């Protein structure tokens, strides 16, 4: 079984380790190219189709590198909604580590809600970060990843 030319790009600085492990297994099982991009050094298993790229520190440096490299049909794993919007605009697919798929139909509404929540947090009305990743989140991520891979596998 081989995978068509599409690749997976991971916004790795904030990606939970359990999601990275799912991606490592997918790379090993299918041979899909998985590239983790981060501002810090990453330790990854030795899998021929897996690599990591360390970029300079700074705001949106990793995001900008992903946008520069992503091609139509590629998948980007990110919780960064503006990055997901740029990926979709370039013809890529985007999913967050909780298994929520971003699409051209939904991204504008998600961006609007993000901006609203930023305003609420800045005014002190909302605090705290996202809830912990659940087993249901991991399963949803794995299911979306498997669906994406199945559309690209050639037997």
N, C-alpha and C. Protein backbone atom coordinates (compact mmCIF):
# COMPACT_ATOMS: atom_id res chain seq x y z
N UNK A 1 0.85 -1.16 0.00
CA UNK A 1 0.00 0.00 0.00
C UNK A 1 0.90 1.23 0.00
N UNK A 2 0.60 2.20 -0.83
CA UNK A 2 1.35 3.44 -0.88
C UNK A 2 0.41 4.61 -0.74
N UNK A 3 0.99 5.73 -0.41
CA UNK A 3 0.19 6.94 -0.23
C UNK A 3 0.48 7.90 -1.37
N UNK A 4 -0.56 8.54 -1.88
CA UNK A 4 -0.37 9.56 -2.90
C UNK A 4 0.51 10.67 -2.33
N UNK A 5 0.85 11.64 -3.13
CA UNK A 5 1.83 12.65 -2.78
C UNK A 5 1.47 13.55 -1.60
N UNK A 6 0.25 13.55 -1.13
CA UNK A 6 -0.14 14.43 -0.04
C UNK A 6 0.67 14.14 1.22
N UNK A 7 0.92 15.19 2.00
CA UNK A 7 1.71 15.10 3.22
C UNK A 7 0.90 15.60 4.41
N UNK A 8 1.39 15.27 5.61
CA UNK A 8 0.82 15.77 6.84
C UNK A 8 1.84 16.70 7.49
N UNK A 9 1.39 17.89 7.85
CA UNK A 9 2.20 18.90 8.52
C UNK A 9 1.64 19.10 9.92
N UNK A 10 2.50 19.14 10.92
CA UNK A 10 2.05 19.23 12.31
C UNK A 10 2.61 20.50 12.94
N UNK A 11 1.71 21.32 13.47
CA UNK A 11 2.07 22.47 14.28
C UNK A 11 2.44 21.89 15.65
N UNK A 12 3.71 21.50 15.79
CA UNK A 12 4.11 20.57 16.84
C UNK A 12 4.35 21.19 18.21
N UNK A 13 4.54 22.50 18.31
CA UNK A 13 4.81 23.09 19.62
C UNK A 13 3.69 22.81 20.62
N UNK A 14 2.45 22.88 20.19
CA UNK A 14 1.32 22.70 21.10
C UNK A 14 0.58 21.38 20.88
N UNK A 15 1.08 20.54 20.02
CA UNK A 15 0.39 19.27 19.73
C UNK A 15 0.65 18.27 20.87
N UNK A 16 -0.40 17.73 21.46
CA UNK A 16 -0.22 16.77 22.56
C UNK A 16 0.56 15.53 22.10
N UNK A 17 1.36 14.98 23.02
CA UNK A 17 2.17 13.81 22.69
C UNK A 17 1.34 12.63 22.23
N UNK A 18 0.16 12.43 22.82
CA UNK A 18 -0.67 11.30 22.42
C UNK A 18 -1.10 11.43 20.95
N UNK A 19 -1.30 12.63 20.47
CA UNK A 19 -1.67 12.85 19.06
C UNK A 19 -0.44 12.62 18.18
N UNK A 20 0.73 13.06 18.63
CA UNK A 20 1.96 12.78 17.88
C UNK A 20 2.17 11.28 17.74
N UNK A 21 1.89 10.52 18.80
CA UNK A 21 2.04 9.07 18.74
C UNK A 21 1.12 8.46 17.70
N UNK A 22 -0.11 8.95 17.60
CA UNK A 22 -1.04 8.47 16.57
C UNK A 22 -0.47 8.76 15.19
N UNK A 23 0.11 9.94 15.01
CA UNK A 23 0.70 10.32 13.73
C UNK A 23 1.94 9.48 13.41
N UNK A 24 2.75 9.17 14.41
CA UNK A 24 3.92 8.31 14.20
C UNK A 24 3.49 6.94 13.69
N UNK A 25 2.45 6.39 14.33
CA UNK A 25 1.96 5.07 13.91
C UNK A 25 1.42 5.12 12.48
N UNK A 26 0.75 6.21 12.13
CA UNK A 26 0.23 6.34 10.76
C UNK A 26 1.37 6.42 9.76
N UNK A 27 2.43 7.15 10.09
CA UNK A 27 3.58 7.26 9.20
C UNK A 27 4.24 5.90 9.01
N UNK A 28 4.37 5.16 10.10
CA UNK A 28 5.00 3.85 10.01
C UNK A 28 4.13 2.86 9.25
N UNK A 29 2.84 2.90 9.48
CA UNK A 29 1.90 1.95 8.88
C UNK A 29 1.68 2.20 7.38
N UNK A 30 1.61 3.48 6.99
CA UNK A 30 1.22 3.82 5.62
C UNK A 30 2.34 4.41 4.77
N UNK A 31 3.38 4.93 5.42
CA UNK A 31 4.44 5.60 4.67
C UNK A 31 4.12 7.03 4.31
N UNK A 32 3.02 7.57 4.81
CA UNK A 32 2.69 8.97 4.55
C UNK A 32 3.77 9.87 5.15
N UNK A 33 4.12 10.92 4.43
CA UNK A 33 5.11 11.87 4.93
C UNK A 33 4.49 12.72 6.01
N UNK A 34 5.07 12.66 7.21
CA UNK A 34 4.64 13.46 8.35
C UNK A 34 5.80 14.34 8.76
N UNK A 35 5.56 15.66 8.79
CA UNK A 35 6.60 16.60 9.19
C UNK A 35 6.10 17.42 10.37
N UNK A 36 6.85 17.38 11.45
CA UNK A 36 6.54 18.18 12.63
C UNK A 36 7.37 19.45 12.58
N UNK A 37 6.73 20.59 12.75
CA UNK A 37 7.43 21.87 12.72
C UNK A 37 7.24 22.54 14.07
N UNK A 38 8.38 22.95 14.68
CA UNK A 38 8.33 23.51 16.03
C UNK A 38 9.46 24.52 16.23
N UNK A 39 9.30 25.34 17.26
CA UNK A 39 10.33 26.30 17.63
C UNK A 39 11.40 25.67 18.52
N UNK A 40 11.17 24.45 18.95
CA UNK A 40 12.10 23.78 19.86
C UNK A 40 12.52 22.44 19.25
N UNK A 41 13.63 21.90 19.71
CA UNK A 41 14.04 20.59 19.18
C UNK A 41 13.04 19.51 19.59
N UNK A 42 12.81 18.56 18.70
CA UNK A 42 11.88 17.47 18.96
C UNK A 42 12.61 16.14 18.85
N UNK A 43 12.21 15.21 19.69
CA UNK A 43 12.72 13.85 19.61
C UNK A 43 11.63 13.01 18.96
N UNK A 44 11.97 12.38 17.85
CA UNK A 44 10.99 11.58 17.13
C UNK A 44 11.57 10.19 16.86
N UNK A 45 10.69 9.20 16.70
CA UNK A 45 11.19 7.86 16.37
C UNK A 45 11.78 7.83 14.96
N UNK A 46 12.61 6.84 14.73
CA UNK A 46 13.22 6.67 13.40
C UNK A 46 12.23 5.95 12.49
N UNK A 47 11.53 6.74 11.70
CA UNK A 47 10.59 6.23 10.72
C UNK A 47 10.94 6.94 9.41
N UNK A 48 11.14 6.21 8.32
CA UNK A 48 11.60 6.85 7.08
C UNK A 48 10.75 8.03 6.61
N UNK A 49 9.46 7.99 6.82
CA UNK A 49 8.59 9.06 6.30
C UNK A 49 8.28 10.14 7.35
N UNK A 50 9.01 10.12 8.46
CA UNK A 50 8.78 11.08 9.54
C UNK A 50 10.00 11.98 9.70
N UNK A 51 9.74 13.28 9.80
CA UNK A 51 10.85 14.19 10.05
C UNK A 51 10.36 15.37 10.87
N UNK A 52 11.31 16.10 11.44
CA UNK A 52 10.96 17.31 12.18
C UNK A 52 11.84 18.45 11.69
N UNK A 53 11.27 19.63 11.74
CA UNK A 53 11.98 20.84 11.35
C UNK A 53 11.89 21.81 12.51
N UNK A 54 13.05 22.29 12.97
CA UNK A 54 13.06 23.30 14.01
C UNK A 54 13.23 24.67 13.35
N UNK A 55 12.32 25.57 13.66
CA UNK A 55 12.39 26.93 13.12
C UNK A 55 12.83 27.87 14.24
N UNK A 56 13.17 29.09 13.86
CA UNK A 56 13.60 30.09 14.84
C UNK A 56 12.46 30.41 15.80
N UNK A 57 12.80 30.81 17.01
CA UNK A 57 11.74 31.23 17.92
C UNK A 57 11.06 32.49 17.41
N UNK A 58 9.84 32.70 17.82
CA UNK A 58 9.13 33.91 17.43
C UNK A 58 7.67 33.64 17.14
N UNK A 59 6.89 34.68 17.23
CA UNK A 59 5.46 34.60 17.02
C UNK A 59 5.16 34.18 15.59
N UNK A 60 4.41 33.11 15.42
CA UNK A 60 3.94 32.60 14.13
C UNK A 60 5.04 32.11 13.18
N UNK A 61 6.26 31.92 13.65
CA UNK A 61 7.33 31.45 12.76
C UNK A 61 7.02 30.03 12.27
N UNK A 62 6.60 29.14 13.18
CA UNK A 62 6.27 27.78 12.77
C UNK A 62 5.04 27.79 11.85
N UNK A 63 4.05 28.60 12.18
CA UNK A 63 2.84 28.69 11.35
C UNK A 63 3.19 29.15 9.94
N UNK A 64 4.04 30.16 9.85
CA UNK A 64 4.43 30.69 8.53
C UNK A 64 5.18 29.64 7.71
N UNK A 65 5.99 28.83 8.38
CA UNK A 65 6.72 27.76 7.69
C UNK A 65 5.75 26.72 7.14
N UNK A 66 4.74 26.39 7.91
CA UNK A 66 3.73 25.42 7.45
C UNK A 66 2.99 25.98 6.25
N UNK A 67 2.55 27.23 6.32
CA UNK A 67 1.82 27.84 5.21
C UNK A 67 2.68 27.87 3.95
N UNK A 68 3.97 28.15 4.11
CA UNK A 68 4.88 28.19 2.97
C UNK A 68 5.00 26.82 2.29
N UNK A 69 4.97 25.74 3.07
CA UNK A 69 5.21 24.40 2.56
C UNK A 69 3.96 23.63 2.16
N UNK A 70 2.80 23.96 2.72
CA UNK A 70 1.59 23.16 2.49
C UNK A 70 1.15 23.26 1.03
N UNK A 71 0.67 22.15 0.51
CA UNK A 71 0.17 22.08 -0.87
C UNK A 71 -1.28 21.63 -0.84
N UNK A 72 -2.01 21.90 -1.92
CA UNK A 72 -3.40 21.42 -1.98
C UNK A 72 -3.47 19.91 -1.71
N UNK A 73 -4.43 19.52 -0.87
CA UNK A 73 -4.60 18.12 -0.52
C UNK A 73 -3.83 17.69 0.70
N UNK A 74 -2.85 18.47 1.15
CA UNK A 74 -2.12 18.14 2.37
C UNK A 74 -3.02 18.31 3.58
N UNK A 75 -2.63 17.68 4.67
CA UNK A 75 -3.34 17.79 5.94
C UNK A 75 -2.46 18.52 6.93
N UNK A 76 -3.03 19.48 7.64
CA UNK A 76 -2.31 20.18 8.71
C UNK A 76 -3.02 19.90 10.02
N UNK A 77 -2.23 19.51 11.03
CA UNK A 77 -2.75 19.28 12.37
C UNK A 77 -2.38 20.49 13.21
N UNK A 78 -3.41 21.25 13.63
CA UNK A 78 -3.18 22.46 14.39
C UNK A 78 -4.41 22.85 15.18
N UNK A 79 -4.18 23.48 16.33
CA UNK A 79 -5.28 24.07 17.09
C UNK A 79 -5.34 25.57 16.80
N UNK A 80 -4.44 26.06 15.96
CA UNK A 80 -4.37 27.48 15.62
C UNK A 80 -5.37 27.78 14.50
N UNK A 81 -6.44 28.47 14.84
CA UNK A 81 -7.53 28.69 13.89
C UNK A 81 -7.10 29.58 12.71
N UNK A 82 -6.37 30.68 12.94
CA UNK A 82 -5.90 31.46 11.77
C UNK A 82 -5.01 30.64 10.84
N UNK A 83 -4.16 29.77 11.39
CA UNK A 83 -3.34 28.89 10.55
C UNK A 83 -4.24 27.95 9.75
N UNK A 84 -5.24 27.37 10.39
CA UNK A 84 -6.17 26.49 9.69
C UNK A 84 -6.85 27.22 8.54
N UNK A 85 -7.22 28.47 8.76
CA UNK A 85 -7.88 29.26 7.71
C UNK A 85 -6.94 29.46 6.52
N UNK A 86 -5.66 29.72 6.78
CA UNK A 86 -4.69 29.89 5.68
C UNK A 86 -4.49 28.59 4.92
N UNK A 87 -4.45 27.48 5.65
CA UNK A 87 -4.28 26.17 5.02
C UNK A 87 -5.47 25.87 4.10
N UNK A 88 -6.67 26.12 4.58
CA UNK A 88 -7.88 25.88 3.78
C UNK A 88 -7.87 26.77 2.54
N UNK A 89 -7.44 28.03 2.70
CA UNK A 89 -7.37 28.94 1.56
C UNK A 89 -6.40 28.43 0.49
N UNK A 90 -5.39 27.67 0.89
CA UNK A 90 -4.42 27.11 -0.05
C UNK A 90 -4.84 25.74 -0.59
N UNK A 91 -6.03 25.27 -0.21
CA UNK A 91 -6.52 23.99 -0.72
C UNK A 91 -6.15 22.79 0.13
N UNK A 92 -5.63 23.04 1.33
CA UNK A 92 -5.30 21.95 2.23
C UNK A 92 -6.45 21.61 3.15
N UNK A 93 -6.28 20.54 3.90
CA UNK A 93 -7.22 20.13 4.93
C UNK A 93 -6.61 20.45 6.29
N UNK A 94 -7.47 20.73 7.27
CA UNK A 94 -6.97 21.04 8.61
C UNK A 94 -7.85 20.36 9.65
N UNK A 95 -7.18 19.86 10.69
CA UNK A 95 -7.86 19.21 11.80
C UNK A 95 -7.14 19.61 13.07
N UNK A 96 -7.88 19.77 14.16
CA UNK A 96 -7.20 20.07 15.41
C UNK A 96 -6.99 18.79 16.21
N UNK A 97 -6.13 18.84 17.22
CA UNK A 97 -5.83 17.62 17.99
C UNK A 97 -7.03 17.02 18.71
N UNK A 98 -8.11 17.75 18.83
CA UNK A 98 -9.33 17.23 19.46
C UNK A 98 -10.21 16.49 18.45
N UNK A 99 -9.76 16.43 17.20
CA UNK A 99 -10.51 15.69 16.20
C UNK A 99 -11.56 16.53 15.49
N UNK A 100 -11.51 17.84 15.65
CA UNK A 100 -12.45 18.72 14.96
C UNK A 100 -11.85 19.11 13.62
N UNK A 101 -12.58 18.80 12.56
CA UNK A 101 -12.13 19.10 11.20
C UNK A 101 -12.58 20.52 10.84
N UNK A 102 -11.65 21.30 10.34
CA UNK A 102 -11.97 22.63 9.84
C UNK A 102 -12.29 22.51 8.35
N UNK A 103 -13.23 23.30 7.87
CA UNK A 103 -13.56 23.26 6.44
C UNK A 103 -13.83 24.68 5.95
N UNK A 104 -13.89 24.82 4.65
CA UNK A 104 -14.20 26.13 4.06
C UNK A 104 -15.58 26.60 4.51
N UNK A 105 -16.49 25.68 4.78
CA UNK A 105 -17.84 26.04 5.21
C UNK A 105 -17.90 26.52 6.65
N UNK A 106 -16.97 26.07 7.49
CA UNK A 106 -17.06 26.38 8.92
C UNK A 106 -16.02 27.36 9.44
N UNK A 107 -14.93 27.56 8.71
CA UNK A 107 -13.79 28.28 9.27
C UNK A 107 -14.11 29.74 9.60
N UNK A 108 -14.94 30.40 8.82
CA UNK A 108 -15.26 31.80 9.12
C UNK A 108 -16.00 31.93 10.45
N UNK A 109 -16.95 31.05 10.69
CA UNK A 109 -17.67 31.06 11.96
C UNK A 109 -16.76 30.75 13.13
N UNK A 110 -15.85 29.81 12.95
CA UNK A 110 -14.90 29.45 14.00
C UNK A 110 -13.96 30.62 14.29
N UNK A 111 -13.50 31.30 13.23
CA UNK A 111 -12.65 32.50 13.43
C UNK A 111 -13.41 33.58 14.20
N UNK A 112 -14.67 33.78 13.86
CA UNK A 112 -15.48 34.77 14.55
C UNK A 112 -15.63 34.44 16.03
N UNK A 113 -15.88 33.18 16.35
CA UNK A 113 -16.00 32.76 17.74
C UNK A 113 -14.68 32.91 18.47
N UNK A 114 -13.59 32.61 17.81
CA UNK A 114 -12.26 32.78 18.42
C UNK A 114 -12.03 34.23 18.78
N UNK A 115 -12.33 35.13 17.85
CA UNK A 115 -12.15 36.56 18.12
C UNK A 115 -13.03 37.03 19.27
N UNK A 116 -14.28 36.54 19.32
CA UNK A 116 -15.18 36.89 20.40
C UNK A 116 -14.63 36.42 21.74
N UNK A 117 -14.13 35.18 21.79
CA UNK A 117 -13.58 34.65 23.03
C UNK A 117 -12.31 35.38 23.45
N UNK A 118 -11.49 35.82 22.49
CA UNK A 118 -10.32 36.63 22.81
C UNK A 118 -10.74 37.92 23.49
N UNK A 119 -11.80 38.55 22.98
CA UNK A 119 -12.32 39.78 23.58
C UNK A 119 -12.83 39.50 24.99
N UNK A 120 -13.54 38.41 25.17
CA UNK A 120 -14.06 38.05 26.49
C UNK A 120 -12.92 37.79 27.49
N UNK A 121 -11.88 37.09 27.05
CA UNK A 121 -10.74 36.83 27.93
C UNK A 121 -10.04 38.12 28.29
N UNK A 122 -9.87 39.02 27.31
CA UNK A 122 -9.19 40.29 27.56
C UNK A 122 -9.97 41.16 28.56
N UNK A 123 -11.28 41.01 28.57
CA UNK A 123 -12.09 41.80 29.50
C UNK A 123 -12.22 41.13 30.86
N UNK A 124 -11.64 39.94 31.02
CA UNK A 124 -11.67 39.24 32.29
C UNK A 124 -12.92 38.41 32.52
N UNK A 125 -13.75 38.26 31.51
CA UNK A 125 -15.00 37.52 31.66
C UNK A 125 -14.84 36.02 31.49
N UNK A 126 -13.77 35.58 30.89
CA UNK A 126 -13.53 34.16 30.66
C UNK A 126 -12.08 33.89 31.02
N UNK A 127 -11.84 32.80 31.73
CA UNK A 127 -10.47 32.47 32.11
C UNK A 127 -10.17 31.02 31.84
N UNK A 128 -8.93 30.68 32.06
CA UNK A 128 -8.52 29.29 31.90
C UNK A 128 -8.28 28.90 30.45
N UNK A 129 -7.69 27.74 30.29
CA UNK A 129 -7.41 27.24 28.95
C UNK A 129 -8.40 26.17 28.56
N UNK A 130 -8.08 25.45 27.52
CA UNK A 130 -8.99 24.40 27.07
C UNK A 130 -9.02 23.23 28.06
N UNK A 131 -10.09 22.47 28.05
CA UNK A 131 -10.14 21.29 28.93
C UNK A 131 -9.14 20.24 28.47
N UNK A 132 -8.80 19.30 29.35
CA UNK A 132 -7.87 18.24 28.97
C UNK A 132 -8.40 17.43 27.79
N UNK A 133 -7.47 16.88 27.02
CA UNK A 133 -7.81 16.01 25.89
C UNK A 133 -8.44 14.73 26.44
N UNK A 134 -9.56 14.34 25.89
CA UNK A 134 -10.26 13.15 26.36
C UNK A 134 -10.02 11.97 25.41
N UNK A 135 -10.43 10.79 25.86
CA UNK A 135 -10.36 9.62 25.00
C UNK A 135 -11.24 9.81 23.77
N UNK A 136 -12.39 10.44 23.94
CA UNK A 136 -13.27 10.72 22.79
C UNK A 136 -12.59 11.65 21.79
N UNK A 137 -11.82 12.64 22.29
CA UNK A 137 -11.07 13.53 21.41
C UNK A 137 -10.04 12.74 20.61
N UNK A 138 -9.29 11.89 21.30
CA UNK A 138 -8.26 11.08 20.62
C UNK A 138 -8.88 10.18 19.58
N UNK A 139 -10.01 9.56 19.92
CA UNK A 139 -10.68 8.68 18.96
C UNK A 139 -11.20 9.46 17.77
N UNK A 140 -11.74 10.65 17.99
CA UNK A 140 -12.23 11.48 16.88
C UNK A 140 -11.07 11.87 15.98
N UNK A 141 -9.93 12.24 16.56
CA UNK A 141 -8.75 12.59 15.77
C UNK A 141 -8.32 11.39 14.92
N UNK A 142 -8.20 10.23 15.56
CA UNK A 142 -7.76 9.03 14.84
C UNK A 142 -8.72 8.68 13.71
N UNK A 143 -10.01 8.85 13.95
CA UNK A 143 -11.00 8.53 12.91
C UNK A 143 -10.87 9.49 11.72
N UNK A 144 -10.73 10.80 11.99
CA UNK A 144 -10.56 11.75 10.89
C UNK A 144 -9.26 11.49 10.13
N UNK A 145 -8.20 11.16 10.86
CA UNK A 145 -6.92 10.85 10.22
C UNK A 145 -7.07 9.62 9.32
N UNK A 146 -7.69 8.57 9.83
CA UNK A 146 -7.88 7.36 9.03
C UNK A 146 -8.71 7.64 7.78
N UNK A 147 -9.74 8.47 7.90
CA UNK A 147 -10.57 8.83 6.74
C UNK A 147 -9.73 9.57 5.72
N UNK A 148 -8.91 10.53 6.18
CA UNK A 148 -8.05 11.30 5.28
C UNK A 148 -7.07 10.37 4.57
N UNK A 149 -6.46 9.45 5.34
CA UNK A 149 -5.50 8.52 4.75
C UNK A 149 -6.17 7.58 3.75
N UNK A 150 -7.35 7.11 4.07
CA UNK A 150 -8.06 6.17 3.19
C UNK A 150 -8.35 6.79 1.83
N UNK A 151 -8.59 8.10 1.80
CA UNK A 151 -8.85 8.77 0.52
C UNK A 151 -7.57 8.86 -0.32
N UNK A 152 -6.41 8.65 0.28
CA UNK A 152 -5.15 8.80 -0.41
C UNK A 152 -4.38 7.50 -0.61
N UNK A 153 -4.83 6.42 -0.01
CA UNK A 153 -4.12 5.15 -0.13
C UNK A 153 -4.39 4.49 -1.46
N UNK A 154 -3.35 3.87 -1.99
CA UNK A 154 -3.47 3.10 -3.22
C UNK A 154 -3.02 1.69 -2.91
N UNK A 155 -3.87 0.72 -3.24
CA UNK A 155 -3.54 -0.68 -2.94
C UNK A 155 -3.02 -1.38 -4.15
